[in-house]
Amino acid sequence: NDEKLYKDIVVIKQGQKISFIGFIDSGNNLYDAITNSMVIIAQKDTIKNQLKESMEKILFGNGIYAVMYNSLGKNNGLIYAFKPDLVYVIEDGQYIRKNNILIGVYNGILSSQGKFDMLLHKDWNIN
């Protein structure tokens, strides 16, 4: 069932809440080599549209992570990531906390149909 691949996600950073529709991407197996954190990818515009202050100040004020990745047609790519204060997935009305996560900020559009604005890790349901 395709519906099980979509998740409602809430990210908290410096007291600000950002909501996403996440999609479990079987091709996303990205972990940060230094922190060993799972890396999920968020659409920059979604973040920017929900924050009351400067995106750079809120997201990267406490440090920025440069995460290396390889993808189809692109070796040695680099995405900038931040460490959220909290990440929740909403399942049947319950907020379930997810730990050890970095969020990479992607400048483009993740879904041409607008179905999601976050790519979740292939191991999302495990941790």
PDB file of N, CA and C in Angstrom:
ATOM      1  N   ASN A   1       0.836  -1.186   0.000  1.00  0.00           N
ATOM      2  CA  ASN A   1       0.000   0.000   0.000  1.00  0.00           C
ATOM      3  C   ASN A   1       0.879   1.248   0.000  1.00  0.00           C
ATOM      4  N   ASP A   2       0.698   2.085  -0.992  1.00  0.00           N
ATOM      5  CA  ASP A   2       1.485   3.299  -1.178  1.00  0.00           C
ATOM      6  C   ASP A   2       1.302   4.297  -0.040  1.00  0.00           C
ATOM      7  N   GLU A   3       0.115   4.324   0.572  1.00  0.00           N
ATOM      8  CA  GLU A   3      -0.193   5.274   1.637  1.00  0.00           C
ATOM      9  C   GLU A   3       0.754   5.129   2.828  1.00  0.00           C
ATOM     10  N   LYS A   4       1.234   3.933   3.099  1.00  0.00           N
ATOM     11  CA  LYS A   4       2.111   3.691   4.248  1.00  0.00           C
ATOM     12  C   LYS A   4       3.484   4.316   4.068  1.00  0.00           C
ATOM     13  N   LEU A   5       3.802   4.738   2.856  1.00  0.00           N
ATOM     14  CA  LEU A   5       5.090   5.370   2.590  1.00  0.00           C
ATOM     15  C   LEU A   5       5.082   6.859   2.929  1.00  0.00           C
ATOM     16  N   TYR A   6       3.897   7.439   3.141  1.00  0.00           N
ATOM     17  CA  TYR A   6       3.759   8.860   3.464  1.00  0.00           C
ATOM     18  C   TYR A   6       3.544   9.028   4.963  1.00  0.00           C
ATOM     19  N   LYS A   7       4.247  10.004   5.555  1.00  0.00           N
ATOM     20  CA  LYS A   7       4.166  10.232   7.003  1.00  0.00           C
ATOM     21  C   LYS A   7       4.046  11.724   7.288  1.00  0.00           C
ATOM     22  N   ASP A   8       3.239  12.070   8.284  1.00  0.00           N
ATOM     23  CA  ASP A   8       3.180  13.450   8.772  1.00  0.00           C
ATOM     24  C   ASP A   8       4.327  13.636   9.756  1.00  0.00           C
ATOM     25  N   ILE A   9       5.155  14.644   9.493  1.00  0.00           N
ATOM     26  CA  ILE A   9       6.364  14.879  10.280  1.00  0.00           C
ATOM     27  C   ILE A   9       6.314  16.290  10.875  1.00  0.00           C
ATOM     28  N   VAL A  10       6.721  16.397  12.139  1.00  0.00           N
ATOM     29  CA  VAL A  10       6.847  17.697  12.796  1.00  0.00           C
ATOM     30  C   VAL A  10       8.283  17.820  13.302  1.00  0.00           C
ATOM     31  N   VAL A  11       8.915  18.940  12.946  1.00  0.00           N
ATOM     32  CA  VAL A  11      10.284  19.232  13.379  1.00  0.00           C
ATOM     33  C   VAL A  11      10.226  20.473  14.274  1.00  0.00           C
ATOM     34  N   ILE A  12      10.927  20.410  15.400  1.00  0.00           N
ATOM     35  CA  ILE A  12      11.041  21.562  16.295  1.00  0.00           C
ATOM     36  C   ILE A  12      12.507  22.000  16.311  1.00  0.00           C
ATOM     37  N   LYS A  13      12.709  23.299  16.077  1.00  0.00           N
ATOM     38  CA  LYS A  13      14.054  23.875  16.125  1.00  0.00           C
ATOM     39  C   LYS A  13      13.949  25.256  16.767  1.00  0.00           C
ATOM     40  N   GLN A  14      14.633  25.434  17.865  1.00  0.00           N
ATOM     41  CA  GLN A  14      14.628  26.698  18.618  1.00  0.00           C
ATOM     42  C   GLN A  14      13.210  27.206  18.857  1.00  0.00           C
ATOM     43  N   GLY A  15      12.344  26.313  19.300  1.00  0.00           N
ATOM     44  CA  GLY A  15      10.977  26.681  19.647  1.00  0.00           C
ATOM     45  C   GLY A  15      10.039  26.869  18.471  1.00  0.00           C
ATOM     46  N   GLN A  16      10.534  26.708  17.255  1.00  0.00           N
ATOM     47  CA  GLN A  16       9.680  26.868  16.077  1.00  0.00           C
ATOM     48  C   GLN A  16       9.320  25.507  15.496  1.00  0.00           C
ATOM     49  N   LYS A  17       8.075  25.393  15.089  1.00  0.00           N
ATOM     50  CA  LYS A  17       7.545  24.124  14.554  1.00  0.00           C
ATOM     51  C   LYS A  17       7.483  24.204  13.030  1.00  0.00           C
ATOM     52  N   ILE A  18       7.972  23.154  12.382  1.00  0.00           N
ATOM     53  CA  ILE A  18       7.913  23.048  10.928  1.00  0.00           C
ATOM     54  C   ILE A  18       7.258  21.707  10.592  1.00  0.00           C
ATOM     55  N   SER A  19       6.216  21.737   9.779  1.00  0.00           N
ATOM     56  CA  SER A  19       5.486  20.521   9.416  1.00  0.00           C
ATOM     57  C   SER A  19       5.813  20.101   7.991  1.00  0.00           C
ATOM     58  N   PHE A  20       5.886  18.787   7.796  1.00  0.00           N
ATOM     59  CA  PHE A  20       6.210  18.220   6.491  1.00  0.00           C
ATOM     60  C   PHE A  20       5.319  17.015   6.202  1.00  0.00           C
ATOM     61  N   ILE A  21       5.230  16.682   4.932  1.00  0.00           N
ATOM     62  CA  ILE A  21       4.725  15.366   4.525  1.00  0.00           C
ATOM     63  C   ILE A  21       5.951  14.615   4.031  1.00  0.00           C
ATOM     64  N   GLY A  22       6.313  13.572   4.767  1.00  0.00           N
ATOM     65  CA  GLY A  22       7.494  12.794   4.431  1.00  0.00           C
ATOM     66  C   GLY A  22       7.148  11.581   3.589  1.00  0.00           C
ATOM     67  N   PHE A  23       8.097  11.185   2.776  1.00  0.00           N
ATOM     68  CA  PHE A  23       7.953   9.992   1.943  1.00  0.00           C
ATOM     69  C   PHE A  23       9.143   9.078   2.230  1.00  0.00           C
ATOM     70  N   ILE A  24       8.868   7.831   2.593  1.00  0.00           N
ATOM     71  CA  ILE A  24       9.952   6.879   2.850  1.00  0.00           C
ATOM     72  C   ILE A  24      10.566   6.486   1.516  1.00  0.00           C
ATOM     73  N   ASP A  25      11.824   6.894   1.336  1.00  0.00           N
ATOM     74  CA  ASP A  25      12.546   6.719   0.079  1.00  0.00           C
ATOM     75  C   ASP A  25      13.497   5.537   0.195  1.00  0.00           C
ATOM     76  N   SER A  26      13.200   4.467  -0.512  1.00  0.00           N
ATOM     77  CA  SER A  26      14.047   3.261  -0.438  1.00  0.00           C
ATOM     78  C   SER A  26      15.462   3.529  -0.942  1.00  0.00           C
ATOM     79  N   GLY A  27      15.656   4.640  -1.665  1.00  0.00           N
ATOM     80  CA  GLY A  27      16.987   4.998  -2.164  1.00  0.00           C
ATOM     81  C   GLY A  27      17.787   5.861  -1.210  1.00  0.00           C
ATOM     82  N   ASN A  28      17.162   6.332  -0.126  1.00  0.00           N
ATOM     83  CA  ASN A  28      17.878   7.176   0.831  1.00  0.00           C
ATOM     84  C   ASN A  28      18.444   6.310   1.950  1.00  0.00           C
ATOM     85  N   ASN A  29      19.744   6.039   1.857  1.00  0.00           N
ATOM     86  CA  ASN A  29      20.410   5.275   2.919  1.00  0.00           C
ATOM     87  C   ASN A  29      21.542   6.116   3.521  1.00  0.00           C
ATOM     88  N   LEU A  30      21.317   7.422   3.578  1.00  0.00           N
ATOM     89  CA  LEU A  30      22.350   8.367   3.981  1.00  0.00           C
ATOM     90  C   LEU A  30      22.476   8.468   5.502  1.00  0.00           C
ATOM     91  N   TYR A  31      23.690   8.249   5.968  1.00  0.00           N
ATOM     92  CA  TYR A  31      24.053   8.478   7.371  1.00  0.00           C
ATOM     93  C   TYR A  31      25.213   9.450   7.395  1.00  0.00           C
ATOM     94  N   ASP A  32      25.238  10.328   8.392  1.00  0.00           N
ATOM     95  CA  ASP A  32      26.367  11.235   8.559  1.00  0.00           C
ATOM     96  C   ASP A  32      27.529  10.440   9.137  1.00  0.00           C
ATOM     97  N   ALA A  33      28.682  10.555   8.501  1.00  0.00           N
ATOM     98  CA  ALA A  33      29.849   9.754   8.896  1.00  0.00           C
ATOM     99  C   ALA A  33      30.382  10.127  10.282  1.00  0.00           C
ATOM    100  N   ILE A  34      30.226  11.375  10.680  1.00  0.00           N
ATOM    101  CA  ILE A  34      30.783  11.817  11.969  1.00  0.00           C
ATOM    102  C   ILE A  34      29.855  11.494  13.136  1.00  0.00           C
ATOM    103  N   THR A  35      28.567  11.825  13.000  1.00  0.00           N
ATOM    104  CA  THR A  35      27.621  11.629  14.112  1.00  0.00           C
ATOM    105  C   THR A  35      26.894  10.291  14.037  1.00  0.00           C
ATOM    106  N   ASN A  36      27.011   9.596  12.915  1.00  0.00           N
ATOM    107  CA  ASN A  36      26.284   8.355  12.648  1.00  0.00           C
ATOM    108  C   ASN A  36      24.765   8.556  12.703  1.00  0.00           C
ATOM    109  N   SER A  37      24.329   9.801  12.437  1.00  0.00           N
ATOM    110  CA  SER A  37      22.903  10.117  12.428  1.00  0.00           C
ATOM    111  C   SER A  37      22.296   9.799  11.070  1.00  0.00           C
ATOM    112  N   MET A  38      21.049   9.349  11.104  1.00  0.00           N
ATOM    113  CA  MET A  38      20.268   9.166   9.894  1.00  0.00           C
ATOM    114  C   MET A  38      20.024  10.551   9.291  1.00  0.00           C
ATOM    115  N   VAL A  39      20.162  10.700   7.964  1.00  0.00           N
ATOM    116  CA  VAL A  39      19.929  11.985   7.314  1.00  0.00           C
ATOM    117  C   VAL A  39      18.650  11.899   6.495  1.00  0.00           C
ATOM    118  N   ILE A  40      17.716  12.821   6.787  1.00  0.00           N
ATOM    119  CA  ILE A  40      16.509  12.954   5.983  1.00  0.00           C
ATOM    120  C   ILE A  40      16.595  14.299   5.258  1.00  0.00           C
ATOM    121  N   ILE A  41      15.903  14.418   4.158  1.00  0.00           N
ATOM    122  CA  ILE A  41      16.044  15.585   3.284  1.00  0.00           C
ATOM    123  C   ILE A  41      14.751  16.393   3.288  1.00  0.00           C
ATOM    124  N   ALA A  42      14.883  17.699   3.555  1.00  0.00           N
ATOM    125  CA  ALA A  42      13.720  18.588   3.600  1.00  0.00           C
ATOM    126  C   ALA A  42      13.824  19.648   2.518  1.00  0.00           C
ATOM    127  N   GLN A  43      12.688  20.006   1.975  1.00  0.00           N
ATOM    128  CA  GLN A  43      12.614  21.036   0.952  1.00  0.00           C
ATOM    129  C   GLN A  43      12.794  22.415   1.598  1.00  0.00           C
ATOM    130  N   LYS A  44      13.729  23.192   1.080  1.00  0.00           N
ATOM    131  CA  LYS A  44      14.072  24.496   1.658  1.00  0.00           C
ATOM    132  C   LYS A  44      12.863  25.432   1.725  1.00  0.00           C
ATOM    133  N   ASP A  45      12.072  25.501   0.654  1.00  0.00           N
ATOM    134  CA  ASP A  45      10.928  26.409   0.631  1.00  0.00           C
ATOM    135  C   ASP A  45       9.907  26.100   1.717  1.00  0.00           C
ATOM    136  N   THR A  46       9.707  24.827   2.014  1.00  0.00           N
ATOM    137  CA  THR A  46       8.768  24.441   3.068  1.00  0.00           C
ATOM    138  C   THR A  46       9.239  24.982   4.409  1.00  0.00           C
ATOM    139  N   ILE A  47      10.525  24.879   4.659  1.00  0.00           N
ATOM    140  CA  ILE A  47      11.094  25.389   5.910  1.00  0.00           C
ATOM    141  C   ILE A  47      10.949  26.901   5.964  1.00  0.00           C
ATOM    142  N   LYS A  48      11.395  27.547   4.915  1.00  0.00           N
ATOM    143  CA  LYS A  48      11.420  29.017   4.851  1.00  0.00           C
ATOM    144  C   LYS A  48      10.020  29.605   5.041  1.00  0.00           C
ATOM    145  N   ASN A  49       9.011  28.989   4.449  1.00  0.00           N
ATOM    146  CA  ASN A  49       7.640  29.501   4.508  1.00  0.00           C
ATOM    147  C   ASN A  49       7.006  29.370   5.880  1.00  0.00           C
ATOM    148  N   GLN A  50       7.565  28.526   6.762  1.00  0.00           N
ATOM    149  CA  GLN A  50       6.961  28.305   8.074  1.00  0.00           C
ATOM    150  C   GLN A  50       7.711  28.980   9.223  1.00  0.00           C
ATOM    151  N   LEU A  51       8.896  29.511   8.955  1.00  0.00           N
ATOM    152  CA  LEU A  51       9.674  30.141  10.017  1.00  0.00           C
ATOM    153  C   LEU A  51       9.359  31.629  10.127  1.00  0.00           C
ATOM    154  N   LYS A  52       9.367  32.118  11.357  1.00  0.00           N
ATOM    155  CA  LYS A  52       9.085  33.529  11.608  1.00  0.00           C
ATOM    156  C   LYS A  52      10.337  34.389  11.502  1.00  0.00           C
ATOM    157  N   GLU A  53      11.503  33.778  11.633  1.00  0.00           N
ATOM    158  CA  GLU A  53      12.771  34.507  11.595  1.00  0.00           C
ATOM    159  C   GLU A  53      13.639  33.969  10.465  1.00  0.00           C
ATOM    160  N   SER A  54      14.844  34.483  10.393  1.00  0.00           N
ATOM    161  CA  SER A  54      15.798  34.059   9.369  1.00  0.00           C
ATOM    162  C   SER A  54      16.043  32.549   9.438  1.00  0.00           C
ATOM    163  N   MET A  55      15.894  31.892   8.297  1.00  0.00           N
ATOM    164  CA  MET A  55      16.108  30.445   8.242  1.00  0.00           C
ATOM    165  C   MET A  55      17.522  30.081   8.669  1.00  0.00           C
ATOM    166  N   GLU A  56      18.499  30.826   8.184  1.00  0.00           N
ATOM    167  CA  GLU A  56      19.891  30.513   8.493  1.00  0.00           C
ATOM    168  C   GLU A  56      20.165  30.631   9.992  1.00  0.00           C
ATOM    169  N   LYS A  57      19.609  31.655  10.619  1.00  0.00           N
ATOM    170  CA  LYS A  57      19.815  31.864  12.061  1.00  0.00           C
ATOM    171  C   LYS A  57      19.192  30.725  12.870  1.00  0.00           C
ATOM    172  N   ILE A  58      17.972  30.367  12.532  1.00  0.00           N
ATOM    173  CA  ILE A  58      17.262  29.320  13.272  1.00  0.00           C
ATOM    174  C   ILE A  58      17.909  27.954  13.052  1.00  0.00           C
ATOM    175  N   LEU A  59      18.124  27.593  11.804  1.00  0.00           N
ATOM    176  CA  LEU A  59      18.581  26.237  11.500  1.00  0.00           C
ATOM    177  C   LEU A  59      20.053  26.018  11.798  1.00  0.00           C
ATOM    178  N   PHE A  60      20.877  26.966  11.417  1.00  0.00           N
ATOM    179  CA  PHE A  60      22.311  26.727  11.461  1.00  0.00           C
ATOM    180  C   PHE A  60      23.017  27.496  12.573  1.00  0.00           C
ATOM    181  N   GLY A  61      22.254  28.134  13.457  1.00  0.00           N
ATOM    182  CA  GLY A  61      22.839  28.911  14.543  1.00  0.00           C
ATOM    183  C   GLY A  61      23.678  28.084  15.499  1.00  0.00           C
ATOM    184  N   ASN A  62      23.325  26.828  15.670  1.00  0.00           N
ATOM    185  CA  ASN A  62      24.059  25.946  16.586  1.00  0.00           C
ATOM    186  C   ASN A  62      24.959  24.970  15.846  1.00  0.00           C
ATOM    187  N   GLY A  63      25.350  25.305  14.653  1.00  0.00           N
ATOM    188  CA  GLY A  63      26.245  24.433  13.897  1.00  0.00           C
ATOM    189  C   GLY A  63      25.613  23.918  12.634  1.00  0.00           C
ATOM    190  N   ILE A  64      26.460  23.689  11.680  1.00  0.00           N
ATOM    191  CA  ILE A  64      26.027  23.203  10.375  1.00  0.00           C
ATOM    192  C   ILE A  64      26.831  21.944  10.056  1.00  0.00           C
ATOM    193  N   TYR A  65      26.193  20.993   9.435  1.00  0.00           N
ATOM    194  CA  TYR A  65      26.839  19.742   9.052  1.00  0.00           C
ATOM    195  C   TYR A  65      26.913  19.688   7.536  1.00  0.00           C
ATOM    196  N   ALA A  66      28.077  19.375   7.020  1.00  0.00           N
ATOM    197  CA  ALA A  66      28.243  19.152   5.589  1.00  0.00           C
ATOM    198  C   ALA A  66      28.270  17.644   5.379  1.00  0.00           C
ATOM    199  N   VAL A  67      27.242  17.115   4.738  1.00  0.00           N
ATOM    200  CA  VAL A  67      27.093  15.669   4.568  1.00  0.00           C
ATOM    201  C   VAL A  67      27.388  15.302   3.116  1.00  0.00           C
ATOM    202  N   MET A  68      28.338  14.409   2.930  1.00  0.00           N
ATOM    203  CA  MET A  68      28.695  13.923   1.595  1.00  0.00           C
ATOM    204  C   MET A  68      27.709  12.832   1.170  1.00  0.00           C
ATOM    205  N   TYR A  69      27.397  12.796  -0.117  1.00  0.00           N
ATOM    206  CA  TYR A  69      26.517  11.742  -0.623  1.00  0.00           C
ATOM    207  C   TYR A  69      26.845  11.417  -2.069  1.00  0.00           C
ATOM    208  N   ASN A  70      26.420  10.246  -2.493  1.00  0.00           N
ATOM    209  CA  ASN A  70      26.468   9.832  -3.893  1.00  0.00           C
ATOM    210  C   ASN A  70      25.042   9.532  -4.320  1.00  0.00           C
ATOM    211  N   SER A  71      24.694   9.951  -5.516  1.00  0.00           N
ATOM    212  CA  SER A  71      23.375   9.629  -6.060  1.00  0.00           C
ATOM    213  C   SER A  71      23.536   9.337  -7.541  1.00  0.00           C
ATOM    214  N   LEU A  72      22.460   8.948  -8.150  1.00  0.00           N
ATOM    215  CA  LEU A  72      22.486   8.618  -9.562  1.00  0.00           C
ATOM    216  C   LEU A  72      23.020   9.809 -10.351  1.00  0.00           C
ATOM    217  N   GLY A  73      24.140   9.623 -11.001  1.00  0.00           N
ATOM    218  CA  GLY A  73      24.717  10.673 -11.822  1.00  0.00           C
ATOM    219  C   GLY A  73      25.492  11.739 -11.055  1.00  0.00           C
ATOM    220  N   LYS A  74      25.600  11.602  -9.742  1.00  0.00           N
ATOM    221  CA  LYS A  74      26.320  12.610  -8.971  1.00  0.00           C
ATOM    222  C   LYS A  74      27.133  11.937  -7.864  1.00  0.00           C
ATOM    223  N   ASN A  75      28.440  11.905  -8.059  1.00  0.00           N
ATOM    224  CA  ASN A  75      29.325  11.384  -7.023  1.00  0.00           C
ATOM    225  C   ASN A  75      29.887  12.551  -6.217  1.00  0.00           C
ATOM    226  N   ASN A  76      30.178  12.291  -4.962  1.00  0.00           N
ATOM    227  CA  ASN A  76      30.756  13.296  -4.072  1.00  0.00           C
ATOM    228  C   ASN A  76      29.905  14.557  -3.972  1.00  0.00           C
ATOM    229  N   GLY A  77      28.577  14.372  -3.855  1.00  0.00           N
ATOM    230  CA  GLY A  77      27.692  15.504  -3.632  1.00  0.00           C
ATOM    231  C   GLY A  77      27.817  15.983  -2.193  1.00  0.00           C
ATOM    232  N   LEU A  78      27.319  17.170  -1.932  1.00  0.00           N
ATOM    233  CA  LEU A  78      27.384  17.758  -0.604  1.00  0.00           C
ATOM    234  C   LEU A  78      26.048  18.416  -0.309  1.00  0.00           C
ATOM    235  N   ILE A  79      25.482  18.106   0.856  1.00  0.00           N
ATOM    236  CA  ILE A  79      24.247  18.759   1.290  1.00  0.00           C
ATOM    237  C   ILE A  79      24.477  19.285   2.702  1.00  0.00           C
ATOM    238  N   TYR A  80      23.969  20.477   2.962  1.00  0.00           N
ATOM    239  CA  TYR A  80      24.111  21.064   4.291  1.00  0.00           C
ATOM    240  C   TYR A  80      22.928  20.633   5.148  1.00  0.00           C
ATOM    241  N   ALA A  81      23.238  20.261   6.384  1.00  0.00           N
ATOM    242  CA  ALA A  81      22.228  19.720   7.282  1.00  0.00           C
ATOM    243  C   ALA A  81      22.275  20.421   8.636  1.00  0.00           C
ATOM    244  N   PHE A  82      21.163  20.316   9.359  1.00  0.00           N
ATOM    245  CA  PHE A  82      21.104  20.838  10.723  1.00  0.00           C
ATOM    246  C   PHE A  82      20.572  19.764  11.656  1.00  0.00           C
ATOM    247  N   LYS A  83      20.862  19.932  12.934  1.00  0.00           N
ATOM    248  CA  LYS A  83      20.371  19.005  13.947  1.00  0.00           C
ATOM    249  C   LYS A  83      19.117  19.608  14.570  1.00  0.00           C
ATOM    250  N   PRO A  84      17.971  18.963  14.395  1.00  0.00           N
ATOM    251  CA  PRO A  84      16.739  19.484  14.987  1.00  0.00           C
ATOM    252  C   PRO A  84      16.727  19.248  16.499  1.00  0.00           C
ATOM    253  N   ASP A  85      15.950  20.055  17.219  1.00  0.00           N
ATOM    254  CA  ASP A  85      15.789  19.821  18.653  1.00  0.00           C
ATOM    255  C   ASP A  85      14.918  18.588  18.875  1.00  0.00           C
ATOM    256  N   LEU A  86      13.859  18.459  18.096  1.00  0.00           N
ATOM    257  CA  LEU A  86      12.949  17.314  18.191  1.00  0.00           C
ATOM    258  C   LEU A  86      12.407  16.985  16.802  1.00  0.00           C
ATOM    259  N   VAL A  87      12.159  15.700  16.569  1.00  0.00           N
ATOM    260  CA  VAL A  87      11.476  15.249  15.349  1.00  0.00           C
ATOM    261  C   VAL A  87      10.404  14.262  15.779  1.00  0.00           C
ATOM    262  N   TYR A  88       9.192  14.487  15.280  1.00  0.00           N
ATOM    263  CA  TYR A  88       8.081  13.587  15.578  1.00  0.00           C
ATOM    264  C   TYR A  88       7.459  13.101  14.277  1.00  0.00           C
ATOM    265  N   VAL A  89       6.988  11.870  14.316  1.00  0.00           N
ATOM    266  CA  VAL A  89       6.103  11.367  13.264  1.00  0.00           C
ATOM    267  C   VAL A  89       4.740  11.230  13.931  1.00  0.00           C
ATOM    268  N   ILE A  90       3.698  11.639  13.222  1.00  0.00           N
ATOM    269  CA  ILE A  90       2.347  11.534  13.779  1.00  0.00           C
ATOM    270  C   ILE A  90       1.708  10.269  13.217  1.00  0.00           C
ATOM    271  N   GLU A  91       1.436   9.332  14.105  1.00  0.00           N
ATOM    272  CA  GLU A  91       0.822   8.044  13.724  1.00  0.00           C
ATOM    273  C   GLU A  91      -0.459   7.875  14.521  1.00  0.00           C
ATOM    274  N   ASP A  92      -1.597   7.783  13.849  1.00  0.00           N
ATOM    275  CA  ASP A  92      -2.897   7.614  14.515  1.00  0.00           C
ATOM    276  C   ASP A  92      -3.101   8.635  15.628  1.00  0.00           C
ATOM    277  N   GLY A  93      -2.754   9.891  15.364  1.00  0.00           N
ATOM    278  CA  GLY A  93      -2.951  10.957  16.330  1.00  0.00           C
ATOM    279  C   GLY A  93      -1.899  11.029  17.432  1.00  0.00           C
ATOM    280  N   GLN A  94      -0.970  10.088  17.467  1.00  0.00           N
ATOM    281  CA  GLN A  94       0.086  10.054  18.480  1.00  0.00           C
ATOM    282  C   GLN A  94       1.365  10.663  17.919  1.00  0.00           C
ATOM    283  N   TYR A  95       2.040  11.465  18.738  1.00  0.00           N
ATOM    284  CA  TYR A  95       3.335  12.018  18.358  1.00  0.00           C
ATOM    285  C   TYR A  95       4.418  11.054  18.834  1.00  0.00           C
ATOM    286  N   ILE A  96       5.147  10.477  17.889  1.00  0.00           N
ATOM    287  CA  ILE A  96       6.198   9.511  18.218  1.00  0.00           C
ATOM    288  C   ILE A  96       7.546  10.162  17.917  1.00  0.00           C
ATOM    289  N   ARG A  97       8.375  10.260  18.956  1.00  0.00           N
ATOM    290  CA  ARG A  97       9.666  10.939  18.805  1.00  0.00           C
ATOM    291  C   ARG A  97      10.664  10.060  18.060  1.00  0.00           C
ATOM    292  N   LYS A  98      11.401  10.686  17.152  1.00  0.00           N
ATOM    293  CA  LYS A  98      12.478  10.013  16.428  1.00  0.00           C
ATOM    294  C   LYS A  98      13.800  10.635  16.870  1.00  0.00           C
ATOM    295  N   ASN A  99      14.805   9.814  17.077  1.00  0.00           N
ATOM    296  CA  ASN A  99      16.084  10.288  17.598  1.00  0.00           C
ATOM    297  C   ASN A  99      17.218  10.109  16.592  1.00  0.00           C
ATOM    298  N   ASN A 100      18.323  10.805  16.869  1.00  0.00           N
ATOM    299  CA  ASN A 100      19.565  10.661  16.103  1.00  0.00           C
ATOM    300  C   ASN A 100      19.361  10.963  14.614  1.00  0.00           C
ATOM    301  N   ILE A 101      18.823  12.168  14.358  1.00  0.00           N
ATOM    302  CA  ILE A 101      18.498  12.566  12.989  1.00  0.00           C
ATOM    303  C   ILE A 101      19.144  13.903  12.648  1.00  0.00           C
ATOM    304  N   LEU A 102      19.659  13.999  11.434  1.00  0.00           N
ATOM    305  CA  LEU A 102      20.059  15.275  10.842  1.00  0.00           C
ATOM    306  C   LEU A 102      19.116  15.539   9.674  1.00  0.00           C
ATOM    307  N   ILE A 103      18.866  16.828   9.403  1.00  0.00           N
ATOM    308  CA  ILE A 103      17.980  17.183   8.296  1.00  0.00           C
ATOM    309  C   ILE A 103      18.767  17.975   7.266  1.00  0.00           C
ATOM    310  N   GLY A 104      18.921  17.370   6.081  1.00  0.00           N
ATOM    311  CA  GLY A 104      19.577  18.035   4.968  1.00  0.00           C
ATOM    312  C   GLY A 104      18.591  18.973   4.289  1.00  0.00           C
ATOM    313  N   VAL A 105      19.066  20.159   3.909  1.00  0.00           N
ATOM    314  CA  VAL A 105      18.205  21.164   3.283  1.00  0.00           C
ATOM    315  C   VAL A 105      18.441  21.148   1.774  1.00  0.00           C
ATOM    316  N   TYR A 106      17.377  20.825   1.031  1.00  0.00           N
ATOM    317  CA  TYR A 106      17.448  20.707  -0.423  1.00  0.00           C
ATOM    318  C   TYR A 106      16.810  21.936  -1.067  1.00  0.00           C
ATOM    319  N   ASN A 107      17.511  22.541  -2.011  1.00  0.00           N
ATOM    320  CA  ASN A 107      17.048  23.781  -2.643  1.00  0.00           C
ATOM    321  C   ASN A 107      15.932  23.586  -3.660  1.00  0.00           C
ATOM    322  N   GLY A 108      15.792  22.389  -4.193  1.00  0.00           N
ATOM    323  CA  GLY A 108      14.810  22.158  -5.253  1.00  0.00           C
ATOM    324  C   GLY A 108      13.483  21.629  -4.743  1.00  0.00           C
ATOM    325  N   ILE A 109      12.711  21.085  -5.674  1.00  0.00           N
ATOM    326  CA  ILE A 109      11.404  20.494  -5.388  1.00  0.00           C
ATOM    327  C   ILE A 109      11.584  18.981  -5.313  1.00  0.00           C
ATOM    328  N   LEU A 110      11.096  18.360  -4.241  1.00  0.00           N
ATOM    329  CA  LEU A 110      11.270  16.910  -4.061  1.00  0.00           C
ATOM    330  C   LEU A 110      10.201  16.085  -4.780  1.00  0.00           C
ATOM    331  N   SER A 111       8.997  16.622  -4.907  1.00  0.00           N
ATOM    332  CA  SER A 111       7.919  15.895  -5.589  1.00  0.00           C
ATOM    333  C   SER A 111       7.293  16.797  -6.638  1.00  0.00           C
ATOM    334  N   SER A 112       7.411  16.404  -7.899  1.00  0.00           N
ATOM    335  CA  SER A 112       6.839  17.229  -8.974  1.00  0.00           C
ATOM    336  C   SER A 112       5.314  17.311  -8.864  1.00  0.00           C
ATOM    337  N   GLN A 113       4.689  16.314  -8.223  1.00  0.00           N
ATOM    338  CA  GLN A 113       3.229  16.344  -8.023  1.00  0.00           C
ATOM    339  C   GLN A 113       2.838  17.028  -6.720  1.00  0.00           C
ATOM    340  N   GLY A 114       3.815  17.451  -5.913  1.00  0.00           N
ATOM    341  CA  GLY A 114       3.527  18.122  -4.649  1.00  0.00           C
ATOM    342  C   GLY A 114       3.003  17.202  -3.559  1.00  0.00           C
ATOM    343  N   LYS A 115       3.280  15.909  -3.669  1.00  0.00           N
ATOM    344  CA  LYS A 115       2.766  14.943  -2.694  1.00  0.00           C
ATOM    345  C   LYS A 115       3.543  14.937  -1.378  1.00  0.00           C
ATOM    346  N   PHE A 116       4.814  15.336  -1.413  1.00  0.00           N
ATOM    347  CA  PHE A 116       5.636  15.343  -0.206  1.00  0.00           C
ATOM    348  C   PHE A 116       6.698  16.419  -0.321  1.00  0.00           C
ATOM    349  N   ASP A 117       7.236  16.819   0.840  1.00  0.00           N
ATOM    350  CA  ASP A 117       8.294  17.827   0.859  1.00  0.00           C
ATOM    351  C   ASP A 117       9.452  17.419   1.768  1.00  0.00           C
ATOM    352  N   MET A 118       9.491  16.126   2.076  1.00  0.00           N
ATOM    353  CA  MET A 118      10.595  15.565   2.852  1.00  0.00           C
ATOM    354  C   MET A 118      10.833  14.130   2.404  1.00  0.00           C
ATOM    355  N   LEU A 119      12.117  13.783   2.214  1.00  0.00           N
ATOM    356  CA  LEU A 119      12.480  12.392   1.899  1.00  0.00           C
ATOM    357  C   LEU A 119      13.004  11.742   3.175  1.00  0.00           C
ATOM    358  N   LEU A 120      12.291  10.733   3.612  1.00  0.00           N
ATOM    359  CA  LEU A 120      12.682  10.014   4.815  1.00  0.00           C
ATOM    360  C   LEU A 120      13.675   8.917   4.464  1.00  0.00           C
ATOM    361  N   HIS A 121      14.407   8.485   5.443  1.00  0.00           N
ATOM    362  CA  HIS A 121      15.422   7.435   5.289  1.00  0.00           C
ATOM    363  C   HIS A 121      14.755   6.087   5.066  1.00  0.00           C
ATOM    364  N   LYS A 122      15.413   5.224   4.324  1.00  0.00           N
ATOM    365  CA  LYS A 122      14.843   3.881   4.063  1.00  0.00           C
ATOM    366  C   LYS A 122      14.651   3.084   5.348  1.00  0.00           C
ATOM    367  N   ASP A 123      15.441   3.405   6.384  1.00  0.00           N
ATOM    368  CA  ASP A 123      15.311   2.708   7.678  1.00  0.00           C
ATOM    369  C   ASP A 123      14.418   3.459   8.654  1.00  0.00           C
ATOM    370  N   TRP A 124      13.603   4.385   8.163  1.00  0.00           N
ATOM    371  CA  TRP A 124      12.766   5.241   9.015  1.00  0.00           C
ATOM    372  C   TRP A 124      11.949   4.455  10.029  1.00  0.00           C
ATOM    373  N   ASN A 125      11.340   3.348   9.608  1.00  0.00           N
ATOM    374  CA  ASN A 125      10.474   2.588  10.505  1.00  0.00           C
ATOM    375  C   ASN A 125      11.234   1.720  11.502  1.00  0.00           C
ATOM    376  N   ILE A 126      12.553   1.643  11.357  1.00  0.00           N
ATOM    377  CA  ILE A 126      13.355   0.799  12.238  1.00  0.00           C
ATOM    378  C   ILE A 126      13.741   1.528  13.513  1.00  0.00           C
ATOM    379  N   ASN A 127      14.203   2.787  13.392  1.00  0.00           N
ATOM    380  CA  ASN A 127      14.733   3.448  14.607  1.00  0.00           C
ATOM    381  C   ASN A 127      13.670   4.139  15.416  1.00  0.00           C
TER     382      ASN A 127
END
